[in-house]
Amino acid sequence: MGGLEFLHYRRDIGNFAHIPVVVVSTRACEEDRRLGLEAGADAYVAKPFQPGDLMTVVNHVMSERIAARG
């Protein structure tokens, strides 16, 4: 199962919708990013990246989830 396939599965099943997903991919074009986010990813990070950049994205996604819970 590929990444987009997983995201569609996750969205359609619903049991996993509460688990945040950050896509890390070698596919860096805007179309791939758009498809990943539309499929249900919370964020999309293209390789290569700096570890600190990934941590910033993960912290942002987690902060949004916590804030959404109220």
C-alpha atoms as a PDB file:
ATOM      1  CA  MET A   1       0.000   0.000   0.000  1.00  0.00           C
ATOM      2  CA  GLY A   2       1.419   3.366  -0.976  1.00  0.00           C
ATOM      3  CA  GLY A   3       1.241   6.538   1.049  1.00  0.00           C
ATOM      4  CA  LEU A   4      -1.737   8.098  -0.731  1.00  0.00           C
ATOM      5  CA  GLU A   5      -3.552   4.778  -0.641  1.00  0.00           C
ATOM      6  CA  PHE A   6      -2.979   4.617   3.117  1.00  0.00           C
ATOM      7  CA  LEU A   7      -4.265   8.158   3.593  1.00  0.00           C
ATOM      8  CA  HIS A   8      -7.458   7.348   1.694  1.00  0.00           C
ATOM      9  CA  TYR A   9      -7.877   4.150   3.712  1.00  0.00           C
ATOM     10  CA  ARG A  10      -7.307   6.041   6.961  1.00  0.00           C
ATOM     11  CA  ARG A  11      -9.871   8.664   5.994  1.00  0.00           C
ATOM     12  CA  ASP A  12     -12.474   6.173   4.781  1.00  0.00           C
ATOM     13  CA  ILE A  13     -12.222   3.801   7.752  1.00  0.00           C
ATOM     14  CA  GLY A  14     -12.366   6.583  10.302  1.00  0.00           C
ATOM     15  CA  ASN A  15     -10.843   4.587  13.171  1.00  0.00           C
ATOM     16  CA  PHE A  16      -7.472   6.160  12.523  1.00  0.00           C
ATOM     17  CA  ALA A  17      -8.599   9.697  11.727  1.00  0.00           C
ATOM     18  CA  HIS A  18      -7.474  10.951  15.139  1.00  0.00           C
ATOM     19  CA  ILE A  19      -3.849   9.930  14.464  1.00  0.00           C
ATOM     20  CA  PRO A  20      -1.867  12.773  12.914  1.00  0.00           C
ATOM     21  CA  VAL A  21       0.078  11.981   9.736  1.00  0.00           C
ATOM     22  CA  VAL A  22       3.085  13.858   8.421  1.00  0.00           C
ATOM     23  CA  VAL A  23       4.081  12.720   4.937  1.00  0.00           C
ATOM     24  CA  VAL A  24       7.834  12.639   4.340  1.00  0.00           C
ATOM     25  CA  SER A  25       8.513  12.156   0.653  1.00  0.00           C
ATOM     26  CA  THR A  26      11.085  12.540  -2.085  1.00  0.00           C
ATOM     27  CA  ARG A  27       8.282  13.875  -4.257  1.00  0.00           C
ATOM     28  CA  ALA A  28       8.607  17.602  -3.814  1.00  0.00           C
ATOM     29  CA  CYS A  29       6.389  19.119  -6.504  1.00  0.00           C
ATOM     30  CA  GLU A  30       3.367  21.187  -5.493  1.00  0.00           C
ATOM     31  CA  GLU A  31       0.953  18.693  -7.104  1.00  0.00           C
ATOM     32  CA  ASP A  32       2.226  15.821  -4.914  1.00  0.00           C
ATOM     33  CA  ARG A  33       2.010  18.032  -1.842  1.00  0.00           C
ATOM     34  CA  ARG A  34      -1.555  19.024  -2.715  1.00  0.00           C
ATOM     35  CA  LEU A  35      -2.585  15.408  -3.300  1.00  0.00           C
ATOM     36  CA  GLY A  36      -1.119  14.336   0.039  1.00  0.00           C
ATOM     37  CA  LEU A  37      -2.870  17.069   1.971  1.00  0.00           C
ATOM     38  CA  GLU A  38      -6.171  16.500   0.158  1.00  0.00           C
ATOM     39  CA  ALA A  39      -5.915  12.782   0.943  1.00  0.00           C
ATOM     40  CA  GLY A  40      -5.757  13.588   4.635  1.00  0.00           C
ATOM     41  CA  ALA A  41      -2.161  14.274   5.641  1.00  0.00           C
ATOM     42  CA  ASP A  42      -1.769  16.893   8.336  1.00  0.00           C
ATOM     43  CA  ALA A  43       1.515  18.085   6.839  1.00  0.00           C
ATOM     44  CA  TYR A  44       3.864  17.291   3.981  1.00  0.00           C
ATOM     45  CA  VAL A  45       7.649  17.484   4.201  1.00  0.00           C
ATOM     46  CA  ALA A  46       9.815  16.990   1.124  1.00  0.00           C
ATOM     47  CA  LYS A  47      13.261  15.417   1.287  1.00  0.00           C
ATOM     48  CA  PRO A  48      15.926  16.513   1.806  1.00  0.00           C
ATOM     49  CA  PHE A  49      15.138  18.370   4.999  1.00  0.00           C
ATOM     50  CA  GLN A  50      16.904  19.355   8.177  1.00  0.00           C
ATOM     51  CA  PRO A  51      15.906  17.397  11.297  1.00  0.00           C
ATOM     52  CA  GLY A  52      14.964  20.638  13.025  1.00  0.00           C
ATOM     53  CA  ASP A  53      12.565  21.465  10.201  1.00  0.00           C
ATOM     54  CA  LEU A  54      10.783  18.134  10.643  1.00  0.00           C
ATOM     55  CA  MET A  55      10.540  18.681  14.395  1.00  0.00           C
ATOM     56  CA  THR A  56       9.022  22.115  13.784  1.00  0.00           C
ATOM     57  CA  VAL A  57       6.356  20.572  11.544  1.00  0.00           C
ATOM     58  CA  VAL A  58       5.605  17.759  14.017  1.00  0.00           C
ATOM     59  CA  ASN A  59       5.338  20.218  16.914  1.00  0.00           C
ATOM     60  CA  HIS A  60       3.011  22.415  14.866  1.00  0.00           C
ATOM     61  CA  VAL A  61       0.745  19.483  13.940  1.00  0.00           C
ATOM     62  CA  MET A  62       0.609  18.291  17.542  1.00  0.00           C
ATOM     63  CA  SER A  63      -0.107  21.810  18.836  1.00  0.00           C
ATOM     64  CA  GLU A  64      -3.001  22.127  16.389  1.00  0.00           C
ATOM     65  CA  ARG A  65      -4.426  18.784  17.542  1.00  0.00           C
ATOM     66  CA  ILE A  66      -4.182  19.760  21.191  1.00  0.00           C
ATOM     67  CA  ALA A  67      -5.785  23.147  20.546  1.00  0.00           C
ATOM     68  CA  ALA A  68      -8.619  21.500  18.587  1.00  0.00           C
ATOM     69  CA  ARG A  69      -9.467  19.344  21.609  1.00  0.00           C
ATOM     70  CA  GLY A  70      -9.993  22.486  23.649  1.00  0.00           C
END
